[in-house]
PDB file of N, CA and C in Angstrom:
ATOM      1  N   MET A   1    -158.465  -0.055 -58.826  1.00  0.00           N
ATOM      2  CA  MET A   1    -158.366   0.957 -59.847  1.00  0.00           C
ATOM      3  C   MET A   1    -159.920   1.471 -59.919  1.00  0.00           C
ATOM      4  N   ASP A   2    -159.913   2.819 -59.950  1.00  0.00           N
ATOM      5  CA  ASP A   2    -161.208   3.497 -60.188  1.00  0.00           C
ATOM      6  C   ASP A   2    -161.109   4.522 -61.260  1.00  0.00           C
ATOM      7  N   VAL A   3    -162.255   4.877 -61.710  1.00  0.00           N
ATOM      8  CA  VAL A   3    -162.212   5.817 -62.885  1.00  0.00           C
ATOM      9  C   VAL A   3    -162.938   7.097 -62.367  1.00  0.00           C
ATOM     10  N   GLU A   4    -162.348   8.099 -62.623  1.00  0.00           N
ATOM     11  CA  GLU A   4    -162.819   9.509 -62.247  1.00  0.00           C
ATOM     12  C   GLU A   4    -163.299  10.121 -63.404  1.00  0.00           C
ATOM     13  N   VAL A   5    -164.354  10.977 -63.265  1.00  0.00           N
ATOM     14  CA  VAL A   5    -164.890  11.804 -64.366  1.00  0.00           C
ATOM     15  C   VAL A   5    -164.140  13.229 -64.039  1.00  0.00           C
ATOM     16  N   ILE A   6    -163.471  13.709 -64.973  1.00  0.00           N
ATOM     17  CA  ILE A   6    -162.805  15.002 -64.876  1.00  0.00           C
ATOM     18  C   ILE A   6    -163.124  15.929 -65.962  1.00  0.00           C
ATOM     19  N   ASN A   7    -163.513  17.257 -65.558  1.00  0.00           N
ATOM     20  CA  ASN A   7    -163.789  18.124 -66.524  1.00  0.00           C
ATOM     21  C   ASN A   7    -162.519  18.539 -67.379  1.00  0.00           C
ATOM     22  N   LYS A   8    -162.535  18.680 -68.595  1.00  0.00           N
ATOM     23  CA  LYS A   8    -161.292  18.980 -69.395  1.00  0.00           C
ATOM     24  C   LYS A   8    -160.726  20.333 -68.890  1.00  0.00           C
ATOM     25  N   ARG A   9    -161.516  21.373 -68.610  1.00  0.00           N
ATOM     26  CA  ARG A   9    -161.019  22.729 -68.264  1.00  0.00           C
ATOM     27  C   ARG A   9    -160.225  22.574 -66.914  1.00  0.00           C
ATOM     28  N   ARG A  10    -160.565  21.760 -65.971  1.00  0.00           N
ATOM     29  CA  ARG A  10    -159.947  21.641 -64.690  1.00  0.00           C
ATOM     30  C   ARG A  10    -158.833  20.786 -64.790  1.00  0.00           C
ATOM     31  N   ARG A  11    -158.651  19.866 -65.559  1.00  0.00           N
ATOM     32  CA  ARG A  11    -157.522  18.971 -65.671  1.00  0.00           C
ATOM     33  C   ARG A  11    -156.230  19.554 -65.944  1.00  0.00           C
ATOM     34  N   LYS A  12    -156.311  20.506 -66.934  1.00  0.00           N
ATOM     35  CA  LYS A  12    -155.082  21.273 -67.390  1.00  0.00           C
ATOM     36  C   LYS A  12    -154.453  22.020 -66.271  1.00  0.00           C
ATOM     37  N   LYS A  13    -155.244  22.521 -65.305  1.00  0.00           N
ATOM     38  CA  LYS A  13    -154.747  23.439 -64.311  1.00  0.00           C
ATOM     39  C   LYS A  13    -154.294  22.685 -63.038  1.00  0.00           C
ATOM     40  N   ASP A  14    -154.708  21.460 -62.904  1.00  0.00           N
ATOM     41  CA  ASP A  14    -154.592  20.705 -61.577  1.00  0.00           C
ATOM     42  C   ASP A  14    -153.446  19.741 -61.556  1.00  0.00           C
ATOM     43  N   SER A  15    -152.445  20.042 -60.692  1.00  0.00           N
ATOM     44  CA  SER A  15    -151.203  19.226 -60.674  1.00  0.00           C
ATOM     45  C   SER A  15    -151.559  17.848 -60.119  1.00  0.00           C
ATOM     46  N   ARG A  16    -152.675  17.613 -59.494  1.00  0.00           N
ATOM     47  CA  ARG A  16    -152.957  16.295 -58.956  1.00  0.00           C
ATOM     48  C   ARG A  16    -153.091  15.278 -60.077  1.00  0.00           C
ATOM     49  N   TYR A  17    -153.282  15.710 -61.236  1.00  0.00           N
ATOM     50  CA  TYR A  17    -153.465  14.825 -62.404  1.00  0.00           C
ATOM     51  C   TYR A  17    -152.235  14.688 -63.229  1.00  0.00           C
ATOM     52  N   SER A  18    -151.102  14.588 -62.555  1.00  0.00           N
ATOM     53  CA  SER A  18    -149.836  14.398 -63.258  1.00  0.00           C
ATOM     54  C   SER A  18    -149.730  13.011 -63.722  1.00  0.00           C
ATOM     55  N   SER A  19    -148.737  12.705 -64.617  1.00  0.00           N
ATOM     56  CA  SER A  19    -148.537  11.449 -65.080  1.00  0.00           C
ATOM     57  C   SER A  19    -148.315  10.367 -64.088  1.00  0.00           C
ATOM     58  N   LYS A  20    -147.933  10.714 -62.951  1.00  0.00           N
ATOM     59  CA  LYS A  20    -147.620   9.795 -61.796  1.00  0.00           C
ATOM     60  C   LYS A  20    -148.973   9.162 -61.284  1.00  0.00           C
ATOM     61  N   ASN A  21    -150.107   9.972 -61.355  1.00  0.00           N
ATOM     62  CA  ASN A  21    -151.278   9.564 -60.677  1.00  0.00           C
ATOM     63  C   ASN A  21    -152.250   8.955 -61.725  1.00  0.00           C
ATOM     64  N   ILE A  22    -152.107   9.246 -63.019  1.00  0.00           N
ATOM     65  CA  ILE A  22    -153.119   8.728 -63.931  1.00  0.00           C
ATOM     66  C   ILE A  22    -152.409   7.765 -64.840  1.00  0.00           C
ATOM     67  N   SER A  23    -153.092   6.625 -64.949  1.00  0.00           N
ATOM     68  CA  SER A  23    -152.483   5.482 -65.823  1.00  0.00           C
ATOM     69  C   SER A  23    -152.895   5.826 -67.163  1.00  0.00           C
ATOM     70  N   PHE A  24    -154.185   6.076 -67.518  1.00  0.00           N
ATOM     71  CA  PHE A  24    -154.532   6.398 -68.811  1.00  0.00           C
ATOM     72  C   PHE A  24    -156.035   6.918 -68.700  1.00  0.00           C
ATOM     73  N   SER A  25    -156.526   7.400 -69.790  1.00  0.00           N
ATOM     74  CA  SER A  25    -158.037   7.875 -69.793  1.00  0.00           C
ATOM     75  C   SER A  25    -158.917   7.047 -70.477  1.00  0.00           C
ATOM     76  N   ALA A  26    -160.107   7.079 -70.181  1.00  0.00           N
ATOM     77  CA  ALA A  26    -161.168   6.350 -70.914  1.00  0.00           C
ATOM     78  C   ALA A  26    -162.200   7.337 -71.491  1.00  0.00           C
ATOM     79  N   SER A  27    -163.044   6.949 -72.227  1.00  0.00           N
ATOM     80  CA  SER A  27    -164.075   7.721 -72.908  1.00  0.00           C
ATOM     81  C   SER A  27    -165.437   7.434 -72.201  1.00  0.00           C
ATOM     82  N   LEU A  28    -166.171   8.582 -72.083  1.00  0.00           N
ATOM     83  CA  LEU A  28    -167.582   8.413 -71.579  1.00  0.00           C
ATOM     84  C   LEU A  28    -168.380   7.749 -72.630  1.00  0.00           C
ATOM     85  N   PRO A  29    -169.443   6.913 -72.207  1.00  0.00           N
ATOM     86  CA  PRO A  29    -170.413   6.499 -73.250  1.00  0.00           C
ATOM     87  C   PRO A  29    -170.999   7.477 -74.088  1.00  0.00           C
ATOM     88  N   SER A  30    -171.394   7.225 -75.245  1.00  0.00           N
ATOM     89  CA  SER A  30    -171.920   8.103 -76.260  1.00  0.00           C
ATOM     90  C   SER A  30    -173.292   8.799 -75.731  1.00  0.00           C
ATOM     91  N   ASP A  31    -174.007   7.994 -74.843  1.00  0.00           N
ATOM     92  CA  ASP A  31    -175.296   8.506 -74.408  1.00  0.00           C
ATOM     93  C   ASP A  31    -175.211   9.559 -73.268  1.00  0.00           C
ATOM     94  N   VAL A  32    -174.001   9.960 -72.923  1.00  0.00           N
ATOM     95  CA  VAL A  32    -173.830  10.955 -71.858  1.00  0.00           C
ATOM     96  C   VAL A  32    -173.998  12.370 -72.684  1.00  0.00           C
ATOM     97  N   ARG A  33    -174.823  13.152 -72.191  1.00  0.00           N
ATOM     98  CA  ARG A  33    -175.202  14.388 -72.756  1.00  0.00           C
ATOM     99  C   ARG A  33    -175.104  15.516 -71.728  1.00  0.00           C
ATOM    100  N   GLY A  34    -175.369  16.725 -72.259  1.00  0.00           N
ATOM    101  CA  GLY A  34    -175.475  17.775 -71.227  1.00  0.00           C
ATOM    102  C   GLY A  34    -174.101  18.366 -70.723  1.00  0.00           C
ATOM    103  N   ILE A  35    -174.163  18.712 -69.455  1.00  0.00           N
ATOM    104  CA  ILE A  35    -172.889  19.358 -68.882  1.00  0.00           C
ATOM    105  C   ILE A  35    -171.741  18.404 -68.817  1.00  0.00           C
ATOM    106  N   PHE A  36    -171.963  17.102 -68.776  1.00  0.00           N
ATOM    107  CA  PHE A  36    -170.788  16.134 -68.757  1.00  0.00           C
ATOM    108  C   PHE A  36    -170.281  15.629 -70.106  1.00  0.00           C
ATOM    109  N   ALA A  37    -170.912  16.069 -71.114  1.00  0.00           N
ATOM    110  CA  ALA A  37    -170.541  15.492 -72.501  1.00  0.00           C
ATOM    111  C   ALA A  37    -169.091  15.842 -72.846  1.00  0.00           C
ATOM    112  N   ASP A  38    -168.530  16.978 -72.352  1.00  0.00           N
ATOM    113  CA  ASP A  38    -167.329  17.307 -72.768  1.00  0.00           C
ATOM    114  C   ASP A  38    -166.083  16.924 -71.803  1.00  0.00           C
ATOM    115  N   SER A  39    -166.498  16.077 -70.666  1.00  0.00           N
ATOM    116  CA  SER A  39    -165.613  15.677 -69.813  1.00  0.00           C
ATOM    117  C   SER A  39    -164.806  14.421 -70.227  1.00  0.00           C
ATOM    118  N   ILE A  40    -163.748  14.273 -69.640  1.00  0.00           N
ATOM    119  CA  ILE A  40    -162.841  13.011 -69.831  1.00  0.00           C
ATOM    120  C   ILE A  40    -162.812  12.207 -68.679  1.00  0.00           C
ATOM    121  N   CYS A  41    -162.418  11.021 -68.659  1.00  0.00           N
ATOM    122  CA  CYS A  41    -162.302   9.986 -67.574  1.00  0.00           C
ATOM    123  C   CYS A  41    -160.785   9.757 -67.392  1.00  0.00           C
ATOM    124  N   ALA A  42    -160.435   9.687 -66.161  1.00  0.00           N
ATOM    125  CA  ALA A  42    -159.002   9.413 -65.688  1.00  0.00           C
ATOM    126  C   ALA A  42    -159.071   8.116 -64.853  1.00  0.00           C
ATOM    127  N   VAL A  43    -158.325   7.229 -65.235  1.00  0.00           N
ATOM    128  CA  VAL A  43    -158.101   5.968 -64.440  1.00  0.00           C
ATOM    129  C   VAL A  43    -157.110   6.237 -63.457  1.00  0.00           C
ATOM    130  N   LYS A  44    -157.375   5.884 -62.235  1.00  0.00           N
ATOM    131  CA  LYS A  44    -156.603   6.226 -61.161  1.00  0.00           C
ATOM    132  C   LYS A  44    -156.431   5.009 -60.175  1.00  0.00           C
ATOM    133  N   TYR A  45    -155.272   4.640 -59.780  1.00  0.00           N
ATOM    134  CA  TYR A  45    -155.024   3.543 -58.747  1.00  0.00           C
ATOM    135  C   TYR A  45    -155.130   4.275 -57.427  1.00  0.00           C
ATOM    136  N   SER A  46    -155.799   3.706 -56.516  1.00  0.00           N
ATOM    137  CA  SER A  46    -156.052   4.389 -55.220  1.00  0.00           C
ATOM    138  C   SER A  46    -155.957   3.470 -54.046  1.00  0.00           C
ATOM    139  N   VAL A  47    -155.367   3.953 -53.002  1.00  0.00           N
ATOM    140  CA  VAL A  47    -155.237   3.266 -51.681  1.00  0.00           C
ATOM    141  C   VAL A  47    -156.574   3.432 -50.841  1.00  0.00           C
ATOM    142  N   ASP A  48    -157.332   4.610 -51.133  1.00  0.00           N
ATOM    143  CA  ASP A  48    -158.567   4.959 -50.455  1.00  0.00           C
ATOM    144  C   ASP A  48    -159.478   5.477 -51.513  1.00  0.00           C
ATOM    145  N   PRO A  49    -160.121   4.410 -52.208  1.00  0.00           N
ATOM    146  CA  PRO A  49    -161.067   4.828 -53.335  1.00  0.00           C
ATOM    147  C   PRO A  49    -162.302   5.541 -52.833  1.00  0.00           C
ATOM    148  N   LEU A  50    -162.733   5.350 -51.592  1.00  0.00           N
ATOM    149  CA  LEU A  50    -163.962   6.015 -51.167  1.00  0.00           C
ATOM    150  C   LEU A  50    -163.658   7.614 -51.014  1.00  0.00           C
ATOM    151  N   ALA A  51    -162.478   7.819 -50.457  1.00  0.00           N
ATOM    152  CA  ALA A  51    -162.177   9.177 -50.250  1.00  0.00           C
ATOM    153  C   ALA A  51    -161.867   9.897 -51.633  1.00  0.00           C
ATOM    154  N   ASP A  52    -161.255   9.133 -52.482  1.00  0.00           N
ATOM    155  CA  ASP A  52    -160.835   9.644 -53.829  1.00  0.00           C
ATOM    156  C   ASP A  52    -162.142   9.938 -54.717  1.00  0.00           C
ATOM    157  N   PHE A  53    -163.104   8.977 -54.617  1.00  0.00           N
ATOM    158  CA  PHE A  53    -164.377   9.120 -55.335  1.00  0.00           C
ATOM    159  C   PHE A  53    -165.101  10.481 -54.843  1.00  0.00           C
ATOM    160  N   ARG A  54    -165.109  10.405 -53.419  1.00  0.00           N
ATOM    161  CA  ARG A  54    -165.784  11.618 -52.848  1.00  0.00           C
ATOM    162  C   ARG A  54    -165.228  12.926 -53.364  1.00  0.00           C
ATOM    163  N   ALA A  55    -163.847  12.981 -53.237  1.00  0.00           N
ATOM    164  CA  ALA A  55    -163.160  14.252 -53.662  1.00  0.00           C
ATOM    165  C   ALA A  55    -163.510  14.463 -55.194  1.00  0.00           C
ATOM    166  N   SER A  56    -163.447  13.558 -55.968  1.00  0.00           N
ATOM    167  CA  SER A  56    -163.635  13.606 -57.425  1.00  0.00           C
ATOM    168  C   SER A  56    -165.136  14.131 -57.694  1.00  0.00           C
ATOM    169  N   ILE A  57    -166.052  13.573 -56.992  1.00  0.00           N
ATOM    170  CA  ILE A  57    -167.436  14.059 -57.125  1.00  0.00           C
ATOM    171  C   ILE A  57    -167.661  15.458 -56.735  1.00  0.00           C
ATOM    172  N   VAL A  58    -166.977  15.793 -55.580  1.00  0.00           N
ATOM    173  CA  VAL A  58    -167.162  17.308 -55.077  1.00  0.00           C
ATOM    174  C   VAL A  58    -166.533  18.189 -56.239  1.00  0.00           C
ATOM    175  N   GLU A  59    -165.418  17.834 -56.643  1.00  0.00           N
ATOM    176  CA  GLU A  59    -164.800  18.553 -57.714  1.00  0.00           C
ATOM    177  C   GLU A  59    -165.701  18.733 -58.887  1.00  0.00           C
ATOM    178  N   MET A  60    -166.284  17.702 -59.404  1.00  0.00           N
ATOM    179  CA  MET A  60    -167.160  17.733 -60.575  1.00  0.00           C
ATOM    180  C   MET A  60    -168.428  18.672 -60.285  1.00  0.00           C
ATOM    181  N   ILE A  61    -168.947  18.535 -59.124  1.00  0.00           N
ATOM    182  CA  ILE A  61    -170.134  19.304 -58.770  1.00  0.00           C
ATOM    183  C   ILE A  61    -169.735  20.780 -58.779  1.00  0.00           C
ATOM    184  N   ARG A  62    -168.508  21.147 -58.266  1.00  0.00           N
ATOM    185  CA  ARG A  62    -168.034  22.536 -58.231  1.00  0.00           C
ATOM    186  C   ARG A  62    -167.667  23.054 -59.565  1.00  0.00           C
ATOM    187  N   VAL A  63    -166.799  22.358 -60.292  1.00  0.00           N
ATOM    188  CA  VAL A  63    -166.215  22.737 -61.521  1.00  0.00           C
ATOM    189  C   VAL A  63    -167.375  22.835 -62.713  1.00  0.00           C
ATOM    190  N   VAL A  64    -168.085  21.788 -62.735  1.00  0.00           N
ATOM    191  CA  VAL A  64    -169.051  21.659 -63.789  1.00  0.00           C
ATOM    192  C   VAL A  64    -170.323  22.441 -63.469  1.00  0.00           C
ATOM    193  N   GLY A  65    -170.678  22.527 -62.244  1.00  0.00           N
ATOM    194  CA  GLY A  65    -171.670  23.280 -61.801  1.00  0.00           C
ATOM    195  C   GLY A  65    -173.062  22.529 -61.839  1.00  0.00           C
ATOM    196  N   VAL A  66    -173.100  21.371 -61.117  1.00  0.00           N
ATOM    197  CA  VAL A  66    -174.314  20.611 -60.993  1.00  0.00           C
ATOM    198  C   VAL A  66    -175.298  21.378 -60.389  1.00  0.00           C
ATOM    199  N   ARG A  67    -176.475  21.596 -61.035  1.00  0.00           N
ATOM    200  CA  ARG A  67    -177.592  22.475 -60.526  1.00  0.00           C
ATOM    201  C   ARG A  67    -178.760  21.811 -59.969  1.00  0.00           C
ATOM    202  N   ASP A  68    -179.045  20.580 -60.344  1.00  0.00           N
ATOM    203  CA  ASP A  68    -180.285  19.836 -59.926  1.00  0.00           C
ATOM    204  C   ASP A  68    -180.065  18.362 -59.835  1.00  0.00           C
ATOM    205  N   TRP A  69    -181.014  17.636 -59.297  1.00  0.00           N
ATOM    206  CA  TRP A  69    -180.881  16.169 -59.186  1.00  0.00           C
ATOM    207  C   TRP A  69    -180.746  15.434 -60.460  1.00  0.00           C
ATOM    208  N   LYS A  70    -181.436  15.924 -61.655  1.00  0.00           N
ATOM    209  CA  LYS A  70    -181.147  15.288 -62.907  1.00  0.00           C
ATOM    210  C   LYS A  70    -179.681  15.233 -63.289  1.00  0.00           C
ATOM    211  N   GLU A  71    -179.014  16.308 -63.137  1.00  0.00           N
ATOM    212  CA  GLU A  71    -177.621  16.452 -63.396  1.00  0.00           C
ATOM    213  C   GLU A  71    -176.806  15.520 -62.352  1.00  0.00           C
ATOM    214  N   MET A  72    -177.180  15.474 -61.222  1.00  0.00           N
ATOM    215  CA  MET A  72    -176.551  14.608 -60.248  1.00  0.00           C
ATOM    216  C   MET A  72    -176.682  13.211 -60.653  1.00  0.00           C
ATOM    217  N   GLU A  73    -177.918  12.719 -61.071  1.00  0.00           N
ATOM    218  CA  GLU A  73    -178.121  11.374 -61.465  1.00  0.00           C
ATOM    219  C   GLU A  73    -177.225  11.056 -62.771  1.00  0.00           C
ATOM    220  N   GLU A  74    -177.068  12.022 -63.567  1.00  0.00           N
ATOM    221  CA  GLU A  74    -176.220  11.829 -64.788  1.00  0.00           C
ATOM    222  C   GLU A  74    -174.740  11.646 -64.348  1.00  0.00           C
ATOM    223  N   LEU A  75    -174.254  12.408 -63.285  1.00  0.00           N
ATOM    224  CA  LEU A  75    -173.037  12.239 -62.846  1.00  0.00           C
ATOM    225  C   LEU A  75    -172.850  10.835 -62.131  1.00  0.00           C
ATOM    226  N   VAL A  76    -173.815  10.426 -61.405  1.00  0.00           N
ATOM    227  CA  VAL A  76    -173.826   8.972 -60.796  1.00  0.00           C
ATOM    228  C   VAL A  76    -173.650   8.048 -61.928  1.00  0.00           C
ATOM    229  N   TYR A  77    -174.457   8.198 -62.947  1.00  0.00           N
ATOM    230  CA  TYR A  77    -174.380   7.319 -64.105  1.00  0.00           C
ATOM    231  C   TYR A  77    -172.959   7.227 -64.700  1.00  0.00           C
ATOM    232  N   CYS A  78    -172.362   8.350 -64.789  1.00  0.00           N
ATOM    233  CA  CYS A  78    -170.953   8.423 -65.416  1.00  0.00           C
ATOM    234  C   CYS A  78    -170.035   7.529 -64.568  1.00  0.00           C
ATOM    235  N   TYR A  79    -170.069   7.744 -63.287  1.00  0.00           N
ATOM    236  CA  TYR A  79    -169.143   6.958 -62.465  1.00  0.00           C
ATOM    237  C   TYR A  79    -169.486   5.416 -62.421  1.00  0.00           C
ATOM    238  N   VAL A  80    -170.831   5.119 -62.395  1.00  0.00           N
ATOM    239  CA  VAL A  80    -171.147   3.634 -62.418  1.00  0.00           C
ATOM    240  C   VAL A  80    -170.900   3.054 -63.641  1.00  0.00           C
ATOM    241  N   VAL A  81    -171.199   3.595 -64.789  1.00  0.00           N
ATOM    242  CA  VAL A  81    -170.905   2.964 -66.071  1.00  0.00           C
ATOM    243  C   VAL A  81    -169.444   2.797 -66.442  1.00  0.00           C
ATOM    244  N   LEU A  82    -168.555   3.680 -65.788  1.00  0.00           N
ATOM    245  CA  LEU A  82    -167.143   3.523 -66.115  1.00  0.00           C
ATOM    246  C   LEU A  82    -166.367   2.582 -65.210  1.00  0.00           C
ATOM    247  N   ASN A  83    -167.078   2.202 -64.118  1.00  0.00           N
ATOM    248  CA  ASN A  83    -166.360   1.334 -63.100  1.00  0.00           C
ATOM    249  C   ASN A  83    -166.988  -0.169 -63.146  1.00  0.00           C
ATOM    250  N   SER A  84    -166.139  -1.069 -62.667  1.00  0.00           N
ATOM    251  CA  SER A  84    -166.692  -2.411 -62.511  1.00  0.00           C
ATOM    252  C   SER A  84    -167.721  -2.504 -61.363  1.00  0.00           C
ATOM    253  N   SER A  85    -168.521  -3.468 -61.510  1.00  0.00           N
ATOM    254  CA  SER A  85    -169.612  -3.734 -60.495  1.00  0.00           C
ATOM    255  C   SER A  85    -169.154  -3.776 -59.023  1.00  0.00           C
ATOM    256  N   ASP A  86    -167.959  -4.335 -58.931  1.00  0.00           N
ATOM    257  CA  ASP A  86    -167.380  -4.575 -57.427  1.00  0.00           C
ATOM    258  C   ASP A  86    -167.070  -3.170 -56.950  1.00  0.00           C
ATOM    259  N   ILE A  87    -167.026  -1.985 -57.722  1.00  0.00           N
ATOM    260  CA  ILE A  87    -166.789  -0.732 -57.178  1.00  0.00           C
ATOM    261  C   ILE A  87    -168.023   0.070 -56.851  1.00  0.00           C
ATOM    262  N   HIS A  88    -169.192  -0.350 -57.476  1.00  0.00           N
ATOM    263  CA  HIS A  88    -170.410   0.397 -57.394  1.00  0.00           C
ATOM    264  C   HIS A  88    -170.900   0.693 -56.009  1.00  0.00           C
ATOM    265  N   GLY A  89    -170.608  -0.151 -55.113  1.00  0.00           N
ATOM    266  CA  GLY A  89    -171.024   0.165 -53.648  1.00  0.00           C
ATOM    267  C   GLY A  89    -170.201   1.321 -53.138  1.00  0.00           C
ATOM    268  N   LEU A  90    -168.999   1.392 -53.401  1.00  0.00           N
ATOM    269  CA  LEU A  90    -168.140   2.564 -53.021  1.00  0.00           C
ATOM    270  C   LEU A  90    -168.686   3.927 -53.617  1.00  0.00           C
ATOM    271  N   ILE A  91    -168.976   3.794 -54.848  1.00  0.00           N
ATOM    272  CA  ILE A  91    -169.480   4.993 -55.624  1.00  0.00           C
ATOM    273  C   ILE A  91    -170.915   5.488 -54.898  1.00  0.00           C
ATOM    274  N   GLY A  92    -171.674   4.387 -54.651  1.00  0.00           N
ATOM    275  CA  GLY A  92    -173.004   4.755 -53.901  1.00  0.00           C
ATOM    276  C   GLY A  92    -172.661   5.387 -52.513  1.00  0.00           C
ATOM    277  N   ASP A  93    -171.698   4.795 -51.838  1.00  0.00           N
ATOM    278  CA  ASP A  93    -171.414   5.295 -50.475  1.00  0.00           C
ATOM    279  C   ASP A  93    -170.921   6.698 -50.524  1.00  0.00           C
ATOM    280  N   ALA A  94    -170.046   7.005 -51.599  1.00  0.00           N
ATOM    281  CA  ALA A  94    -169.496   8.405 -51.781  1.00  0.00           C
ATOM    282  C   ALA A  94    -170.520   9.381 -52.139  1.00  0.00           C
ATOM    283  N   PHE A  95    -171.454   9.031 -52.925  1.00  0.00           N
ATOM    284  CA  PHE A  95    -172.564   9.891 -53.312  1.00  0.00           C
ATOM    285  C   PHE A  95    -173.496  10.204 -51.994  1.00  0.00           C
ATOM    286  N   MET A  96    -173.782   9.155 -51.402  1.00  0.00           N
ATOM    287  CA  MET A  96    -174.755   9.236 -50.239  1.00  0.00           C
ATOM    288  C   MET A  96    -174.131  10.076 -49.191  1.00  0.00           C
ATOM    289  N   SER A  97    -172.787   9.942 -48.951  1.00  0.00           N
ATOM    290  CA  SER A  97    -172.134  10.668 -47.830  1.00  0.00           C
ATOM    291  C   SER A  97    -172.194  12.244 -48.252  1.00  0.00           C
ATOM    292  N   LEU A  98    -172.140  12.475 -49.507  1.00  0.00           N
ATOM    293  CA  LEU A  98    -172.294  13.854 -49.925  1.00  0.00           C
ATOM    294  C   LEU A  98    -173.727  14.379 -49.915  1.00  0.00           C
ATOM    295  N   CYS A  99    -174.718  13.575 -50.122  1.00  0.00           N
ATOM    296  CA  CYS A  99    -176.099  13.984 -50.072  1.00  0.00           C
ATOM    297  C   CYS A  99    -176.496  14.336 -48.637  1.00  0.00           C
ATOM    298  N   SER A 100    -175.922  13.710 -47.692  1.00  0.00           N
ATOM    299  CA  SER A 100    -176.202  13.971 -46.319  1.00  0.00           C
ATOM    300  C   SER A 100    -175.607  15.350 -45.868  1.00  0.00           C
ATOM    301  N   CYS A 101    -174.666  15.826 -46.625  1.00  0.00           N
ATOM    302  CA  CYS A 101    -174.039  17.169 -46.356  1.00  0.00           C
ATOM    303  C   CYS A 101    -174.885  18.374 -46.897  1.00  0.00           C
ATOM    304  N   PHE A 102    -175.834  18.088 -47.765  1.00  0.00           N
ATOM    305  CA  PHE A 102    -176.592  19.242 -48.283  1.00  0.00           C
ATOM    306  C   PHE A 102    -177.817  19.367 -47.550  1.00  0.00           C
TER     307      PHE A 102
END
């Protein structure tokens, strides 16, 4: 099980977030501010969490409009704080694979 951060505006339009794919939602910690403050979190069961994290991260970068490293660090924080420590390596791998694309 992994937790994705999803922007509220995007979730309503995207059929990937049907009730078949999302088990329930979670709340971001109260210390999340800025461009991610109005986002929600979706809990998703995945057979390929690395690919799903990567796709979710790319979506957040595009939809929310991550503009600098500080916002990227905040996004990493959101994923890490919402997931158990045994998933943190996958989250790091997903972010690092995207950093090598830029």
